[in-house]
Amino acid sequence: MSRRFDLKKSLSSIISSEEKKSDDDDNKVPTFLTSSLGPKVAAILDKHAESIHDDSFLKIIRQLEFWYADQKLPEEDFLAL
């Protein structure tokens, strides 16, 4: 199974999941993935999945969560990141 397929499958399951984890859970789903931006972000990440290293992927997710949840960045600016 390719890394690209794994990433797409993982993001799809997160986005479509209706189960939200509690705030004290370390595996909490990033809020931007459960918003209307989730599918758009997943498509962008999927497009570049082959060139994103695991560590970089985690950093990207953390930064996106920061800009979405803490900074309330407008959708257009958020997707430009």
PDB file of N, CA and C in Angstrom:
ATOM      1  N   MET A   1       0.843  -1.170   0.000  1.00  0.00           N
ATOM      2  CA  MET A   1       0.000   0.000   0.000  1.00  0.00           C
ATOM      3  C   MET A   1       0.893   1.239   0.000  1.00  0.00           C
ATOM      4  N   SER A   2       0.576   2.186  -0.870  1.00  0.00           N
ATOM      5  CA  SER A   2       1.423   3.366  -0.977  1.00  0.00           C
ATOM      6  C   SER A   2       1.175   4.343   0.159  1.00  0.00           C
ATOM      7  N   ARG A   3       2.170   5.146   0.406  1.00  0.00           N
ATOM      8  CA  ARG A   3       2.058   6.167   1.453  1.00  0.00           C
ATOM      9  C   ARG A   3       0.944   7.143   1.105  1.00  0.00           C
ATOM     10  N   ARG A   4       0.811   7.456  -0.164  1.00  0.00           N
ATOM     11  CA  ARG A   4      -0.233   8.376  -0.618  1.00  0.00           C
ATOM     12  C   ARG A   4      -1.613   7.830  -0.266  1.00  0.00           C
ATOM     13  N   PHE A   5      -1.833   6.549  -0.506  1.00  0.00           N
ATOM     14  CA  PHE A   5      -3.121   5.935  -0.194  1.00  0.00           C
ATOM     15  C   PHE A   5      -3.362   5.945   1.310  1.00  0.00           C
ATOM     16  N   ASP A   6      -2.333   5.629   2.083  1.00  0.00           N
ATOM     17  CA  ASP A   6      -2.466   5.626   3.543  1.00  0.00           C
ATOM     18  C   ASP A   6      -2.863   7.000   4.070  1.00  0.00           C
ATOM     19  N   LEU A   7      -2.231   8.042   3.575  1.00  0.00           N
ATOM     20  CA  LEU A   7      -2.533   9.398   4.017  1.00  0.00           C
ATOM     21  C   LEU A   7      -3.969   9.759   3.653  1.00  0.00           C
ATOM     22  N   LYS A   8      -4.351   9.456   2.422  1.00  0.00           N
ATOM     23  CA  LYS A   8      -5.700   9.776   1.971  1.00  0.00           C
ATOM     24  C   LYS A   8      -6.737   9.031   2.807  1.00  0.00           C
ATOM     25  N   LYS A   9      -6.478   7.768   3.070  1.00  0.00           N
ATOM     26  CA  LYS A   9      -7.398   6.957   3.866  1.00  0.00           C
ATOM     27  C   LYS A   9      -7.493   7.497   5.295  1.00  0.00           C
ATOM     28  N   SER A  10      -6.356   7.850   5.883  1.00  0.00           N
ATOM     29  CA  SER A  10      -6.341   8.378   7.250  1.00  0.00           C
ATOM     30  C   SER A  10      -7.095   9.693   7.353  1.00  0.00           C
ATOM     31  N   LEU A  11      -6.817  10.602   6.435  1.00  0.00           N
ATOM     32  CA  LEU A  11      -7.488  11.891   6.463  1.00  0.00           C
ATOM     33  C   LEU A  11      -8.984  11.742   6.213  1.00  0.00           C
ATOM     34  N   SER A  12      -9.344  10.871   5.294  1.00  0.00           N
ATOM     35  CA  SER A  12     -10.761  10.647   5.007  1.00  0.00           C
ATOM     36  C   SER A  12     -11.492  10.112   6.220  1.00  0.00           C
ATOM     37  N   SER A  13     -10.866   9.179   6.928  1.00  0.00           N
ATOM     38  CA  SER A  13     -11.531   8.610   8.097  1.00  0.00           C
ATOM     39  C   SER A  13     -11.653   9.638   9.218  1.00  0.00           C
ATOM     40  N   ILE A  14     -10.666  10.514   9.357  1.00  0.00           N
ATOM     41  CA  ILE A  14     -10.734  11.562  10.372  1.00  0.00           C
ATOM     42  C   ILE A  14     -11.848  12.552  10.046  1.00  0.00           C
ATOM     43  N   ILE A  15     -11.906  12.954   8.787  1.00  0.00           N
ATOM     44  CA  ILE A  15     -12.895  13.943   8.377  1.00  0.00           C
ATOM     45  C   ILE A  15     -14.308  13.395   8.502  1.00  0.00           C
ATOM     46  N   SER A  16     -14.509  12.148   8.101  1.00  0.00           N
ATOM     47  CA  SER A  16     -15.855  11.589   8.104  1.00  0.00           C
ATOM     48  C   SER A  16     -16.282  11.068   9.473  1.00  0.00           C
ATOM     49  N   SER A  17     -15.326  10.925  10.368  1.00  0.00           N
ATOM     50  CA  SER A  17     -15.645  10.403  11.692  1.00  0.00           C
ATOM     51  C   SER A  17     -16.515  11.380  12.458  1.00  0.00           C
ATOM     52  N   GLU A  18     -17.541  10.848  13.071  1.00  0.00           N
ATOM     53  CA  GLU A  18     -18.400  11.702  13.880  1.00  0.00           C
ATOM     54  C   GLU A  18     -18.050  11.600  15.352  1.00  0.00           C
ATOM     55  N   GLU A  19     -17.149  10.705  15.671  1.00  0.00           N
ATOM     56  CA  GLU A  19     -16.728  10.553  17.060  1.00  0.00           C
ATOM     57  C   GLU A  19     -15.615  11.547  17.354  1.00  0.00           C
ATOM     58  N   LYS A  20     -15.857  12.395  18.308  1.00  0.00           N
ATOM     59  CA  LYS A  20     -14.826  13.344  18.714  1.00  0.00           C
ATOM     60  C   LYS A  20     -14.228  12.867  20.018  1.00  0.00           C
ATOM     61  N   LYS A  21     -12.934  12.983  20.107  1.00  0.00           N
ATOM     62  CA  LYS A  21     -12.240  12.538  21.316  1.00  0.00           C
ATOM     63  C   LYS A  21     -12.266  13.647  22.354  1.00  0.00           C
ATOM     64  N   SER A  22     -12.125  13.266  23.597  1.00  0.00           N
ATOM     65  CA  SER A  22     -12.175  14.251  24.679  1.00  0.00           C
ATOM     66  C   SER A  22     -10.947  15.149  24.652  1.00  0.00           C
ATOM     67  N   ASP A  23     -11.065  16.302  25.288  1.00  0.00           N
ATOM     68  CA  ASP A  23      -9.982  17.283  25.301  1.00  0.00           C
ATOM     69  C   ASP A  23      -8.716  16.765  25.959  1.00  0.00           C
ATOM     70  N   ASP A  24      -8.838  15.801  26.858  1.00  0.00           N
ATOM     71  CA  ASP A  24      -7.649  15.300  27.539  1.00  0.00           C
ATOM     72  C   ASP A  24      -6.969  14.165  26.779  1.00  0.00           C
ATOM     73  N   ASP A  25      -7.480  13.818  25.637  1.00  0.00           N
ATOM     74  CA  ASP A  25      -6.909  12.735  24.837  1.00  0.00           C
ATOM     75  C   ASP A  25      -5.787  13.293  23.962  1.00  0.00           C
ATOM     76  N   ASP A  26      -4.623  12.655  24.003  1.00  0.00           N
ATOM     77  CA  ASP A  26      -3.482  13.107  23.206  1.00  0.00           C
ATOM     78  C   ASP A  26      -3.723  12.946  21.712  1.00  0.00           C
ATOM     79  N   ASN A  27      -4.644  12.096  21.319  1.00  0.00           N
ATOM     80  CA  ASN A  27      -4.920  11.820  19.914  1.00  0.00           C
ATOM     81  C   ASN A  27      -6.112  12.617  19.398  1.00  0.00           C
ATOM     82  N   LYS A  28      -6.379  13.735  20.001  1.00  0.00           N
ATOM     83  CA  LYS A  28      -7.504  14.578  19.616  1.00  0.00           C
ATOM     84  C   LYS A  28      -7.401  14.958  18.140  1.00  0.00           C
ATOM     85  N   VAL A  29      -8.524  14.898  17.447  1.00  0.00           N
ATOM     86  CA  VAL A  29      -8.567  15.251  16.033  1.00  0.00           C
ATOM     87  C   VAL A  29      -8.455  16.770  15.906  1.00  0.00           C
ATOM     88  N   PRO A  30      -7.560  17.259  15.047  1.00  0.00           N
ATOM     89  CA  PRO A  30      -7.445  18.711  14.856  1.00  0.00           C
ATOM     90  C   PRO A  30      -8.783  19.302  14.401  1.00  0.00           C
ATOM     91  N   THR A  31      -9.143  20.434  14.967  1.00  0.00           N
ATOM     92  CA  THR A  31     -10.455  21.018  14.683  1.00  0.00           C
ATOM     93  C   THR A  31     -10.628  21.414  13.228  1.00  0.00           C
ATOM     94  N   PHE A  32      -9.559  21.819  12.557  1.00  0.00           N
ATOM     95  CA  PHE A  32      -9.715  22.219  11.159  1.00  0.00           C
ATOM     96  C   PHE A  32     -10.115  21.044  10.275  1.00  0.00           C
ATOM     97  N   LEU A  33      -9.734  19.817  10.676  1.00  0.00           N
ATOM     98  CA  LEU A  33     -10.104  18.644   9.874  1.00  0.00           C
ATOM     99  C   LEU A  33     -11.580  18.302   9.984  1.00  0.00           C
ATOM    100  N   THR A  34     -12.207  18.687  11.071  1.00  0.00           N
ATOM    101  CA  THR A  34     -13.629  18.400  11.237  1.00  0.00           C
ATOM    102  C   THR A  34     -14.494  19.581  10.788  1.00  0.00           C
ATOM    103  N   SER A  35     -13.870  20.643  10.287  1.00  0.00           N
ATOM    104  CA  SER A  35     -14.602  21.810   9.789  1.00  0.00           C
ATOM    105  C   SER A  35     -14.835  21.642   8.280  1.00  0.00           C
ATOM    106  N   SER A  36     -15.439  22.637   7.685  1.00  0.00           N
ATOM    107  CA  SER A  36     -15.667  22.614   6.233  1.00  0.00           C
ATOM    108  C   SER A  36     -14.347  22.677   5.457  1.00  0.00           C
ATOM    109  N   LEU A  37     -13.274  23.090   6.125  1.00  0.00           N
ATOM    110  CA  LEU A  37     -11.954  23.141   5.490  1.00  0.00           C
ATOM    111  C   LEU A  37     -11.306  21.753   5.387  1.00  0.00           C
ATOM    112  N   GLY A  38     -11.762  20.811   6.198  1.00  0.00           N
ATOM    113  CA  GLY A  38     -11.154  19.485   6.252  1.00  0.00           C
ATOM    114  C   GLY A  38     -10.930  18.830   4.903  1.00  0.00           C
ATOM    115  N   PRO A  39     -11.970  18.688   4.072  1.00  0.00           N
ATOM    116  CA  PRO A  39     -11.773  18.045   2.763  1.00  0.00           C
ATOM    117  C   PRO A  39     -10.813  18.813   1.855  1.00  0.00           C
ATOM    118  N   LYS A  40     -10.824  20.143   1.947  1.00  0.00           N
ATOM    119  CA  LYS A  40      -9.922  20.954   1.116  1.00  0.00           C
ATOM    120  C   LYS A  40      -8.469  20.754   1.542  1.00  0.00           C
ATOM    121  N   VAL A  41      -8.239  20.752   2.846  1.00  0.00           N
ATOM    122  CA  VAL A  41      -6.885  20.535   3.371  1.00  0.00           C
ATOM    123  C   VAL A  41      -6.429  19.116   3.035  1.00  0.00           C
ATOM    124  N   ALA A  42      -7.323  18.145   3.185  1.00  0.00           N
ATOM    125  CA  ALA A  42      -6.988  16.752   2.873  1.00  0.00           C
ATOM    126  C   ALA A  42      -6.581  16.609   1.417  1.00  0.00           C
ATOM    127  N   ALA A  43      -7.288  17.292   0.523  1.00  0.00           N
ATOM    128  CA  ALA A  43      -6.961  17.219  -0.906  1.00  0.00           C
ATOM    129  C   ALA A  43      -5.584  17.804  -1.183  1.00  0.00           C
ATOM    130  N   ILE A  44      -5.268  18.927  -0.535  1.00  0.00           N
ATOM    131  CA  ILE A  44      -3.948  19.557  -0.719  1.00  0.00           C
ATOM    132  C   ILE A  44      -2.847  18.645  -0.180  1.00  0.00           C
ATOM    133  N   LEU A  45      -3.040  18.112   1.025  1.00  0.00           N
ATOM    134  CA  LEU A  45      -2.032  17.221   1.609  1.00  0.00           C
ATOM    135  C   LEU A  45      -1.881  15.942   0.791  1.00  0.00           C
ATOM    136  N   ASP A  46      -2.985  15.427   0.302  1.00  0.00           N
ATOM    137  CA  ASP A  46      -2.946  14.209  -0.506  1.00  0.00           C
ATOM    138  C   ASP A  46      -2.154  14.440  -1.792  1.00  0.00           C
ATOM    139  N   LYS A  47      -2.323  15.596  -2.372  1.00  0.00           N
ATOM    140  CA  LYS A  47      -1.612  15.935  -3.610  1.00  0.00           C
ATOM    141  C   LYS A  47      -0.096  15.903  -3.418  1.00  0.00           C
ATOM    142  N   HIS A  48       0.349  16.252  -2.216  1.00  0.00           N
ATOM    143  CA  HIS A  48       1.782  16.346  -1.942  1.00  0.00           C
ATOM    144  C   HIS A  48       2.285  15.258  -0.978  1.00  0.00           C
ATOM    145  N   ALA A  49       1.478  14.241  -0.734  1.00  0.00           N
ATOM    146  CA  ALA A  49       1.790  13.221   0.280  1.00  0.00           C
ATOM    147  C   ALA A  49       3.125  12.519   0.046  1.00  0.00           C
ATOM    148  N   GLU A  50       3.467  12.262  -1.180  1.00  0.00           N
ATOM    149  CA  GLU A  50       4.714  11.545  -1.482  1.00  0.00           C
ATOM    150  C   GLU A  50       5.959  12.332  -1.074  1.00  0.00           C
ATOM    151  N   SER A  51       5.846  13.655  -1.033  1.00  0.00           N
ATOM    152  CA  SER A  51       7.026  14.476  -0.736  1.00  0.00           C
ATOM    153  C   SER A  51       7.054  15.008   0.703  1.00  0.00           C
ATOM    154  N   ILE A  52       6.078  14.598   1.517  1.00  0.00           N
ATOM    155  CA  ILE A  52       6.029  15.075   2.905  1.00  0.00           C
ATOM    156  C   ILE A  52       6.560  13.991   3.841  1.00  0.00           C
ATOM    157  N   HIS A  53       7.636  14.290   4.533  1.00  0.00           N
ATOM    158  CA  HIS A  53       8.215  13.368   5.510  1.00  0.00           C
ATOM    159  C   HIS A  53       7.298  13.314   6.733  1.00  0.00           C
ATOM    160  N   ASP A  54       7.315  12.198   7.452  1.00  0.00           N
ATOM    161  CA  ASP A  54       6.439  12.017   8.615  1.00  0.00           C
ATOM    162  C   ASP A  54       6.555  13.146   9.630  1.00  0.00           C
ATOM    163  N   ASP A  55       7.776  13.518   9.986  1.00  0.00           N
ATOM    164  CA  ASP A  55       7.970  14.601  10.951  1.00  0.00           C
ATOM    165  C   ASP A  55       7.405  15.918  10.426  1.00  0.00           C
ATOM    166  N   SER A  56       7.629  16.164   9.157  1.00  0.00           N
ATOM    167  CA  SER A  56       7.117  17.388   8.554  1.00  0.00           C
ATOM    168  C   SER A  56       5.599  17.383   8.519  1.00  0.00           C
ATOM    169  N   PHE A  57       5.018  16.234   8.255  1.00  0.00           N
ATOM    170  CA  PHE A  57       3.563  16.118   8.230  1.00  0.00           C
ATOM    171  C   PHE A  57       2.972  16.507   9.587  1.00  0.00           C
ATOM    172  N   LEU A  58       3.560  15.998  10.660  1.00  0.00           N
ATOM    173  CA  LEU A  58       3.084  16.338  11.999  1.00  0.00           C
ATOM    174  C   LEU A  58       3.223  17.831  12.280  1.00  0.00           C
ATOM    175  N   LYS A  59       4.331  18.412  11.858  1.00  0.00           N
ATOM    176  CA  LYS A  59       4.537  19.852  12.057  1.00  0.00           C
ATOM    177  C   LYS A  59       3.517  20.668  11.273  1.00  0.00           C
ATOM    178  N   ILE A  60       3.218  20.232  10.069  1.00  0.00           N
ATOM    179  CA  ILE A  60       2.223  20.918   9.242  1.00  0.00           C
ATOM    180  C   ILE A  60       0.861  20.885   9.927  1.00  0.00           C
ATOM    181  N   ILE A  61       0.467  19.712  10.424  1.00  0.00           N
ATOM    182  CA  ILE A  61      -0.827  19.565  11.092  1.00  0.00           C
ATOM    183  C   ILE A  61      -0.888  20.470  12.327  1.00  0.00           C
ATOM    184  N   ARG A  62       0.177  20.488  13.108  1.00  0.00           N
ATOM    185  CA  ARG A  62       0.205  21.335  14.312  1.00  0.00           C
ATOM    186  C   ARG A  62       0.119  22.815  13.964  1.00  0.00           C
ATOM    187  N   GLN A  63       0.837  23.231  12.937  1.00  0.00           N
ATOM    188  CA  GLN A  63       0.800  24.632  12.524  1.00  0.00           C
ATOM    189  C   GLN A  63      -0.579  25.012  11.996  1.00  0.00           C
ATOM    190  N   LEU A  64      -1.173  24.135  11.197  1.00  0.00           N
ATOM    191  CA  LEU A  64      -2.509  24.417  10.680  1.00  0.00           C
ATOM    192  C   LEU A  64      -3.524  24.530  11.814  1.00  0.00           C
ATOM    193  N   GLU A  65      -3.396  23.665  12.796  1.00  0.00           N
ATOM    194  CA  GLU A  65      -4.300  23.731  13.944  1.00  0.00           C
ATOM    195  C   GLU A  65      -4.114  25.056  14.695  1.00  0.00           C
ATOM    196  N   PHE A  66      -2.872  25.477  14.868  1.00  0.00           N
ATOM    197  CA  PHE A  66      -2.597  26.748  15.523  1.00  0.00           C
ATOM    198  C   PHE A  66      -3.260  27.903  14.766  1.00  0.00           C
ATOM    199  N   TRP A  67      -3.045  27.953  13.454  1.00  0.00           N
ATOM    200  CA  TRP A  67      -3.587  29.058  12.668  1.00  0.00           C
ATOM    201  C   TRP A  67      -5.104  29.014  12.597  1.00  0.00           C
ATOM    202  N   TYR A  68      -5.680  27.824  12.626  1.00  0.00           N
ATOM    203  CA  TYR A  68      -7.141  27.713  12.566  1.00  0.00           C
ATOM    204  C   TYR A  68      -7.781  27.998  13.923  1.00  0.00           C
ATOM    205  N   ALA A  69      -7.335  27.305  14.952  1.00  0.00           N
ATOM    206  CA  ALA A  69      -7.982  27.385  16.266  1.00  0.00           C
ATOM    207  C   ALA A  69      -7.587  28.630  17.055  1.00  0.00           C
ATOM    208  N   ASP A  70      -6.326  28.998  17.012  1.00  0.00           N
ATOM    209  CA  ASP A  70      -5.852  30.105  17.842  1.00  0.00           C
ATOM    210  C   ASP A  70      -5.896  31.467  17.145  1.00  0.00           C
ATOM    211  N   GLN A  71      -5.567  31.474  15.889  1.00  0.00           N
ATOM    212  CA  GLN A  71      -5.464  32.751  15.176  1.00  0.00           C
ATOM    213  C   GLN A  71      -6.698  33.107  14.349  1.00  0.00           C
ATOM    214  N   LYS A  72      -7.618  32.157  14.206  1.00  0.00           N
ATOM    215  CA  LYS A  72      -8.877  32.402  13.469  1.00  0.00           C
ATOM    216  C   LYS A  72      -8.626  33.005  12.088  1.00  0.00           C
ATOM    217  N   LEU A  73      -7.676  32.404  11.372  1.00  0.00           N
ATOM    218  CA  LEU A  73      -7.307  32.873  10.049  1.00  0.00           C
ATOM    219  C   LEU A  73      -8.469  32.706   9.070  1.00  0.00           C
ATOM    220  N   PRO A  74      -8.739  33.684   8.213  1.00  0.00           N
ATOM    221  CA  PRO A  74      -9.802  33.537   7.217  1.00  0.00           C
ATOM    222  C   PRO A  74      -9.514  32.334   6.291  1.00  0.00           C
ATOM    223  N   GLU A  75     -10.567  31.716   5.771  1.00  0.00           N
ATOM    224  CA  GLU A  75     -10.431  30.497   4.976  1.00  0.00           C
ATOM    225  C   GLU A  75      -9.453  30.644   3.822  1.00  0.00           C
ATOM    226  N   GLU A  76      -9.525  31.731   3.076  1.00  0.00           N
ATOM    227  CA  GLU A  76      -8.644  31.923   1.932  1.00  0.00           C
ATOM    228  C   GLU A  76      -7.178  31.949   2.364  1.00  0.00           C
ATOM    229  N   ASP A  77      -6.889  32.673   3.437  1.00  0.00           N
ATOM    230  CA  ASP A  77      -5.527  32.754   3.951  1.00  0.00           C
ATOM    231  C   ASP A  77      -5.071  31.404   4.515  1.00  0.00           C
ATOM    232  N   PHE A  78      -5.988  30.713   5.176  1.00  0.00           N
ATOM    233  CA  PHE A  78      -5.668  29.412   5.748  1.00  0.00           C
ATOM    234  C   PHE A  78      -5.266  28.425   4.654  1.00  0.00           C
ATOM    235  N   LEU A  79      -6.027  28.371   3.589  1.00  0.00           N
ATOM    236  CA  LEU A  79      -5.712  27.443   2.495  1.00  0.00           C
ATOM    237  C   LEU A  79      -4.430  27.837   1.760  1.00  0.00           C
ATOM    238  N   ALA A  80      -4.097  29.117   1.778  1.00  0.00           N
ATOM    239  CA  ALA A  80      -2.860  29.565   1.139  1.00  0.00           C
ATOM    240  C   ALA A  80      -1.628  29.089   1.904  1.00  0.00           C
ATOM    241  N   LEU A  81      -1.792  28.825   3.206  1.00  0.00           N
ATOM    242  CA  LEU A  81      -0.661  28.328   3.983  1.00  0.00           C
ATOM    243  C   LEU A  81      -0.195  27.015   3.422  1.00  0.00           C
TER     244      LEU A  81
END
